[in-house]
């Protein structure tokens, strides 16, 4: 009777140890996968950080500030004059300069080009 109880107890103990080892292996594999995902995320964020740093350097440059000042704020350098043309004047100019397209034969087009 003692031998049977001892065998059952040892078997349960071995099964418990195997179960614990299996759980640790599964956790280790899961941690490895999470670590790989985190490494990819870090690489992606470093790349994004590099791009943002380059964009920041570009925006902080004197050329960019001058471009924004000229285009958006209508500012100028010393001794420069700014001309602002209204949309109405542009539209009026474009209406008067409409080009009529005529479908001439190819040889007549070349003749007109060289003789006019």
N, C-alpha and C. Protein backbone atom coordinates (compact mmCIF):
# COMPACT_ATOMS: atom_id res chain seq x y z
N UNK A 1 0.81 -1.18 0.00
CA UNK A 1 0.00 0.00 0.00
C UNK A 1 0.86 1.26 0.00
N UNK A 2 1.90 1.23 0.76
CA UNK A 2 2.78 2.38 0.81
C UNK A 2 3.46 2.57 -0.54
N UNK A 3 3.78 1.51 -1.18
CA UNK A 3 4.44 1.61 -2.48
C UNK A 3 3.51 2.23 -3.52
N UNK A 4 2.23 1.85 -3.47
CA UNK A 4 1.27 2.42 -4.42
C UNK A 4 1.10 3.91 -4.16
N UNK A 5 0.98 4.30 -2.95
CA UNK A 5 0.82 5.71 -2.58
C UNK A 5 2.05 6.52 -2.94
N UNK A 6 3.21 5.92 -2.75
CA UNK A 6 4.46 6.61 -3.09
C UNK A 6 4.56 6.81 -4.59
N UNK A 7 4.19 5.79 -5.36
CA UNK A 7 4.24 5.88 -6.82
C UNK A 7 3.28 6.97 -7.31
N UNK A 8 2.09 7.02 -6.75
CA UNK A 8 1.10 8.03 -7.14
C UNK A 8 1.63 9.42 -6.77
N UNK A 9 2.20 9.54 -5.60
CA UNK A 9 2.72 10.83 -5.14
C UNK A 9 3.89 11.30 -6.02
N UNK A 10 4.80 10.41 -6.34
CA UNK A 10 5.94 10.74 -7.20
C UNK A 10 5.45 11.10 -8.61
N UNK A 11 4.46 10.35 -9.11
CA UNK A 11 3.91 10.64 -10.43
C UNK A 11 3.26 12.02 -10.45
N UNK A 12 2.48 12.34 -9.43
CA UNK A 12 1.86 13.67 -9.35
C UNK A 12 2.91 14.77 -9.24
N UNK A 13 3.96 14.51 -8.49
CA UNK A 13 5.04 15.47 -8.34
C UNK A 13 5.74 15.71 -9.68
N UNK A 14 6.02 14.65 -10.42
CA UNK A 14 6.66 14.77 -11.73
C UNK A 14 5.74 15.51 -12.71
N UNK A 15 4.45 15.18 -12.69
CA UNK A 15 3.50 15.88 -13.56
C UNK A 15 3.43 17.37 -13.22
N UNK A 16 3.45 17.69 -11.94
CA UNK A 16 3.43 19.09 -11.51
C UNK A 16 4.67 19.83 -11.99
N UNK A 17 5.82 19.18 -11.86
CA UNK A 17 7.06 19.81 -12.32
C UNK A 17 7.03 20.01 -13.83
N UNK A 18 6.57 18.99 -14.57
CA UNK A 18 6.48 19.11 -16.03
C UNK A 18 5.52 20.23 -16.44
N UNK A 19 4.41 20.34 -15.72
CA UNK A 19 3.45 21.40 -16.00
C UNK A 19 4.09 22.77 -15.78
N UNK A 20 4.81 22.92 -14.69
CA UNK A 20 5.49 24.19 -14.39
C UNK A 20 6.53 24.54 -15.45
N UNK A 21 7.30 23.53 -15.86
CA UNK A 21 8.32 23.77 -16.89
C UNK A 21 7.65 24.16 -18.21
N UNK A 22 6.56 23.49 -18.56
CA UNK A 22 5.83 23.82 -19.79
C UNK A 22 5.32 25.26 -19.75
N UNK A 23 4.79 25.67 -18.62
CA UNK A 23 4.29 27.04 -18.48
C UNK A 23 5.43 28.05 -18.64
N UNK A 24 6.58 27.76 -18.06
CA UNK A 24 7.72 28.67 -18.18
C UNK A 24 8.21 28.76 -19.63
N UNK A 25 8.20 27.64 -20.32
CA UNK A 25 8.62 27.65 -21.73
C UNK A 25 7.65 28.49 -22.56
N UNK A 26 6.36 28.32 -22.32
CA UNK A 26 5.36 29.12 -23.04
C UNK A 26 5.52 30.61 -22.75
N UNK A 27 5.75 30.95 -21.49
CA UNK A 27 5.96 32.36 -21.13
C UNK A 27 7.22 32.91 -21.79
N UNK A 28 8.25 32.10 -21.84
CA UNK A 28 9.51 32.52 -22.46
C UNK A 28 9.31 32.78 -23.95
N UNK A 29 8.60 31.89 -24.62
CA UNK A 29 8.34 32.08 -26.05
C UNK A 29 7.47 33.31 -26.29
N UNK A 30 6.48 33.52 -25.43
CA UNK A 30 5.64 34.71 -25.56
C UNK A 30 6.44 35.98 -25.33
N UNK A 31 7.33 35.95 -24.34
CA UNK A 31 8.17 37.12 -24.06
C UNK A 31 9.10 37.40 -25.24
N UNK A 32 9.60 36.37 -25.87
CA UNK A 32 10.48 36.54 -27.02
C UNK A 32 9.72 37.22 -28.16
N UNK A 33 8.48 36.80 -28.38
CA UNK A 33 7.66 37.43 -29.42
C UNK A 33 7.36 38.89 -29.10
N UNK A 34 7.03 39.16 -27.83
CA UNK A 34 6.77 40.54 -27.44
C UNK A 34 8.03 41.40 -27.58
N UNK A 35 9.17 40.82 -27.23
CA UNK A 35 10.43 41.54 -27.35
C UNK A 35 10.72 41.88 -28.81
N UNK A 36 10.46 40.95 -29.70
CA UNK A 36 10.67 41.18 -31.13
C UNK A 36 9.75 42.29 -31.63
N UNK A 37 8.48 42.25 -31.21
CA UNK A 37 7.53 43.29 -31.61
C UNK A 37 7.96 44.66 -31.09
N UNK A 38 8.43 44.69 -29.84
CA UNK A 38 8.86 45.95 -29.26
C UNK A 38 10.11 46.49 -29.98
N UNK A 39 11.00 45.59 -30.38
CA UNK A 39 12.20 46.02 -31.11
C UNK A 39 11.80 46.63 -32.45
N UNK A 40 10.83 46.03 -33.12
CA UNK A 40 10.34 46.60 -34.39
C UNK A 40 9.70 47.96 -34.15
N UNK A 41 8.95 48.08 -33.08
CA UNK A 41 8.31 49.35 -32.75
C UNK A 41 9.36 50.43 -32.46
N UNK A 42 10.42 50.04 -31.74
CA UNK A 42 11.49 50.99 -31.44
C UNK A 42 12.16 51.46 -32.73
N UNK A 43 12.43 50.53 -33.64
CA UNK A 43 13.06 50.90 -34.92
C UNK A 43 12.16 51.84 -35.71
N UNK A 44 10.87 51.56 -35.71
CA UNK A 44 9.91 52.41 -36.43
C UNK A 44 9.88 53.81 -35.81
N UNK A 45 9.85 53.88 -34.49
CA UNK A 45 9.80 55.18 -33.81
C UNK A 45 11.11 55.96 -34.00
N UNK A 46 12.24 55.25 -34.03
CA UNK A 46 13.51 55.94 -34.28
C UNK A 46 13.53 56.53 -35.68
N UNK A 47 13.01 55.78 -36.65
CA UNK A 47 12.95 56.28 -38.02
C UNK A 47 12.04 57.51 -38.09
N UNK A 48 10.90 57.43 -37.45
CA UNK A 48 9.96 58.56 -37.44
C UNK A 48 10.59 59.77 -36.74
N UNK A 49 11.32 59.50 -35.66
CA UNK A 49 11.99 60.57 -34.93
C UNK A 49 13.03 61.25 -35.81
N UNK A 50 13.76 60.46 -36.58
CA UNK A 50 14.77 61.01 -37.50
C UNK A 50 14.10 61.91 -38.53
N UNK A 51 12.98 61.45 -39.10
CA UNK A 51 12.27 62.25 -40.10
C UNK A 51 11.76 63.56 -39.49
N UNK A 52 11.23 63.47 -38.27
CA UNK A 52 10.72 64.67 -37.61
C UNK A 52 11.86 65.64 -37.29
N UNK A 53 13.01 65.09 -36.91
CA UNK A 53 14.17 65.93 -36.62
C UNK A 53 14.63 66.67 -37.88
N UNK A 54 14.65 65.96 -39.02
CA UNK A 54 15.01 66.59 -40.29
C UNK A 54 14.01 67.67 -40.66
N UNK A 55 12.72 67.39 -40.46
CA UNK A 55 11.68 68.38 -40.75
C UNK A 55 11.84 69.60 -39.85
N UNK A 56 12.16 69.38 -38.58
CA UNK A 56 12.37 70.49 -37.65
C UNK A 56 13.55 71.34 -38.08
N UNK A 57 14.64 70.69 -38.48
CA UNK A 57 15.81 71.44 -38.95
C UNK A 57 15.47 72.24 -40.21
N UNK A 58 14.66 71.66 -41.10
CA UNK A 58 14.27 72.37 -42.31
C UNK A 58 13.41 73.59 -41.97
N UNK A 59 12.49 73.41 -41.04
CA UNK A 59 11.58 74.49 -40.67
C UNK A 59 12.32 75.60 -39.92
N UNK A 60 13.34 75.23 -39.17
CA UNK A 60 14.09 76.24 -38.42
C UNK A 60 15.08 77.00 -39.30
N UNK A 61 15.29 76.55 -40.53
CA UNK A 61 16.28 77.19 -41.39
C UNK A 61 15.83 78.60 -41.79
N UNK A 62 16.81 79.44 -42.06
CA UNK A 62 16.53 80.82 -42.45
C UNK A 62 15.78 80.87 -43.77
N UNK A 63 16.12 79.97 -44.69
CA UNK A 63 15.46 79.96 -45.99
C UNK A 63 13.97 79.69 -45.86
N UNK A 64 13.61 78.74 -44.99
CA UNK A 64 12.20 78.41 -44.82
C UNK A 64 11.44 79.58 -44.18
N UNK A 65 12.05 80.19 -43.17
CA UNK A 65 11.40 81.32 -42.50
C UNK A 65 11.19 82.46 -43.50
N UNK A 66 12.20 82.71 -44.33
CA UNK A 66 12.07 83.76 -45.34
C UNK A 66 10.99 83.43 -46.36
N UNK A 67 10.92 82.17 -46.76
CA UNK A 67 9.91 81.75 -47.73
C UNK A 67 8.50 81.94 -47.16
N UNK A 68 8.30 81.54 -45.91
CA UNK A 68 6.99 81.71 -45.28
C UNK A 68 6.66 83.19 -45.14
N UNK A 69 7.65 83.98 -44.75
CA UNK A 69 7.41 85.42 -44.59
C UNK A 69 7.03 86.05 -45.91
N UNK A 70 7.67 85.64 -46.99
CA UNK A 70 7.37 86.22 -48.30
C UNK A 70 6.01 85.75 -48.82
N UNK A 71 5.77 84.45 -48.77
CA UNK A 71 4.57 83.88 -49.39
C UNK A 71 3.31 84.07 -48.56
N UNK A 72 3.40 83.87 -47.27
CA UNK A 72 2.19 83.88 -46.44
C UNK A 72 1.93 85.23 -45.79
N UNK A 73 2.99 85.95 -45.45
CA UNK A 73 2.81 87.20 -44.71
C UNK A 73 3.03 88.44 -45.57
N UNK A 74 3.37 88.24 -46.84
CA UNK A 74 3.62 89.35 -47.78
C UNK A 74 4.68 90.32 -47.25
N UNK A 75 5.69 89.79 -46.62
CA UNK A 75 6.80 90.61 -46.16
C UNK A 75 7.88 90.64 -47.22
N UNK A 76 8.75 91.65 -47.15
CA UNK A 76 9.81 91.78 -48.14
C UNK A 76 11.10 92.18 -47.45
N UNK A 77 12.19 92.04 -48.19
CA UNK A 77 13.48 92.51 -47.71
C UNK A 77 13.53 94.03 -47.85
N UNK A 78 14.59 94.62 -47.32
CA UNK A 78 14.78 96.06 -47.50
C UNK A 78 14.95 96.36 -48.98
N UNK A 79 14.42 97.49 -49.41
CA UNK A 79 14.51 97.97 -50.79
C UNK A 79 13.79 97.06 -51.78
N UNK A 80 12.86 96.28 -51.36
CA UNK A 80 12.04 95.47 -52.26
C UNK A 80 10.63 96.02 -52.26
N UNK A 81 9.98 95.91 -53.39
CA UNK A 81 8.60 96.36 -53.52
C UNK A 81 7.72 95.15 -53.79
N UNK A 82 6.61 95.08 -53.09
CA UNK A 82 5.68 93.97 -53.26
C UNK A 82 4.54 94.44 -54.16
N UNK A 83 4.26 93.67 -55.17
CA UNK A 83 3.13 93.93 -56.06
C UNK A 83 2.07 92.88 -55.79
N UNK A 84 0.87 93.32 -55.48
CA UNK A 84 -0.23 92.40 -55.25
C UNK A 84 -1.24 92.62 -56.38
N UNK A 85 -1.47 91.57 -57.13
CA UNK A 85 -2.40 91.65 -58.25
C UNK A 85 -3.70 90.99 -57.82
N UNK A 86 -4.79 91.71 -57.96
CA UNK A 86 -6.08 91.17 -57.52
C UNK A 86 -6.54 90.05 -58.44
N UNK A 87 -7.39 89.22 -57.92
CA UNK A 87 -7.94 88.11 -58.70
C UNK A 87 -8.77 88.63 -59.88
N UNK A 88 -9.44 89.76 -59.67
CA UNK A 88 -10.25 90.33 -60.75
C UNK A 88 -9.37 90.74 -61.93
N UNK A 89 -8.22 91.34 -61.64
CA UNK A 89 -7.33 91.77 -62.72
C UNK A 89 -6.78 90.55 -63.47
N UNK A 90 -6.48 89.51 -62.74
CA UNK A 90 -5.98 88.29 -63.38
C UNK A 90 -7.06 87.69 -64.26
N UNK A 91 -8.29 87.62 -63.74
CA UNK A 91 -9.40 87.04 -64.52
C UNK A 91 -9.67 87.88 -65.77
N UNK A 92 -9.63 89.21 -65.63
CA UNK A 92 -9.88 90.08 -66.77
C UNK A 92 -8.79 89.90 -67.83
N UNK A 93 -7.56 89.76 -67.41
CA UNK A 93 -6.46 89.55 -68.34
C UNK A 93 -6.59 88.22 -69.05
N UNK A 94 -6.96 87.21 -68.31
CA UNK A 94 -7.08 85.88 -68.90
C UNK A 94 -8.26 85.80 -69.87
N UNK A 95 -9.33 86.53 -69.60
CA UNK A 95 -10.48 86.51 -70.51
C UNK A 95 -10.12 87.14 -71.85
N UNK A 96 -9.32 88.18 -71.83
CA UNK A 96 -8.96 88.86 -73.07
C UNK A 96 -7.93 88.10 -73.88
N UNK A 97 -7.28 87.14 -73.30
CA UNK A 97 -6.20 86.46 -74.02
C UNK A 97 -6.55 85.02 -74.36
N UNK A 98 -7.81 84.75 -74.57
CA UNK A 98 -8.19 83.39 -74.95
C UNK A 98 -7.71 83.12 -76.37
N UNK A 99 -7.11 81.99 -76.54
CA UNK A 99 -6.56 81.62 -77.84
C UNK A 99 -7.53 80.68 -78.51
N UNK A 100 -7.84 81.02 -79.75
CA UNK A 100 -8.73 80.14 -80.49
C UNK A 100 -7.91 79.02 -81.10
N UNK A 101 -8.37 77.85 -80.92
CA UNK A 101 -7.69 76.71 -81.49
C UNK A 101 -8.32 76.39 -82.83
N UNK A 102 -7.51 76.41 -83.84
CA UNK A 102 -8.00 76.05 -85.17
C UNK A 102 -7.31 74.77 -85.58
N UNK A 103 -8.07 73.91 -86.14
CA UNK A 103 -7.53 72.64 -86.59
C UNK A 103 -7.11 72.76 -88.04
N UNK A 104 -5.88 73.17 -88.22
CA UNK A 104 -5.33 73.27 -89.57
C UNK A 104 -4.63 71.97 -89.92
N UNK A 105 -4.52 71.69 -91.17
CA UNK A 105 -3.70 70.54 -91.55
C UNK A 105 -2.26 70.78 -91.09
N UNK A 106 -1.56 69.72 -90.90
CA UNK A 106 -0.22 69.79 -90.35
C UNK A 106 0.71 70.66 -91.20
N UNK A 107 0.64 70.53 -92.51
CA UNK A 107 1.55 71.30 -93.38
C UNK A 107 1.27 72.80 -93.30
N UNK A 108 -0.02 73.17 -93.10
CA UNK A 108 -0.35 74.58 -92.99
C UNK A 108 0.14 75.16 -91.66
N UNK A 109 0.10 74.34 -90.63
CA UNK A 109 0.61 74.79 -89.33
C UNK A 109 2.10 75.08 -89.39
N UNK A 110 2.85 74.20 -90.04
CA UNK A 110 4.29 74.41 -90.17
C UNK A 110 4.56 75.63 -91.05
N UNK A 111 3.81 75.79 -92.10
CA UNK A 111 3.99 76.93 -92.99
C UNK A 111 3.72 78.23 -92.23
N UNK A 112 2.67 78.27 -91.46
CA UNK A 112 2.33 79.45 -90.67
C UNK A 112 3.43 79.73 -89.65
N UNK A 113 3.97 78.69 -89.04
CA UNK A 113 5.01 78.86 -88.03
C UNK A 113 6.26 79.50 -88.63
N UNK A 114 6.67 79.06 -89.81
CA UNK A 114 7.92 79.56 -90.39
C UNK A 114 7.74 80.90 -91.11
N UNK A 115 6.57 81.17 -91.63
CA UNK A 115 6.38 82.40 -92.39
C UNK A 115 5.89 83.55 -91.52
N UNK A 116 5.32 83.31 -90.40
CA UNK A 116 4.82 84.40 -89.55
C UNK A 116 5.79 84.73 -88.51
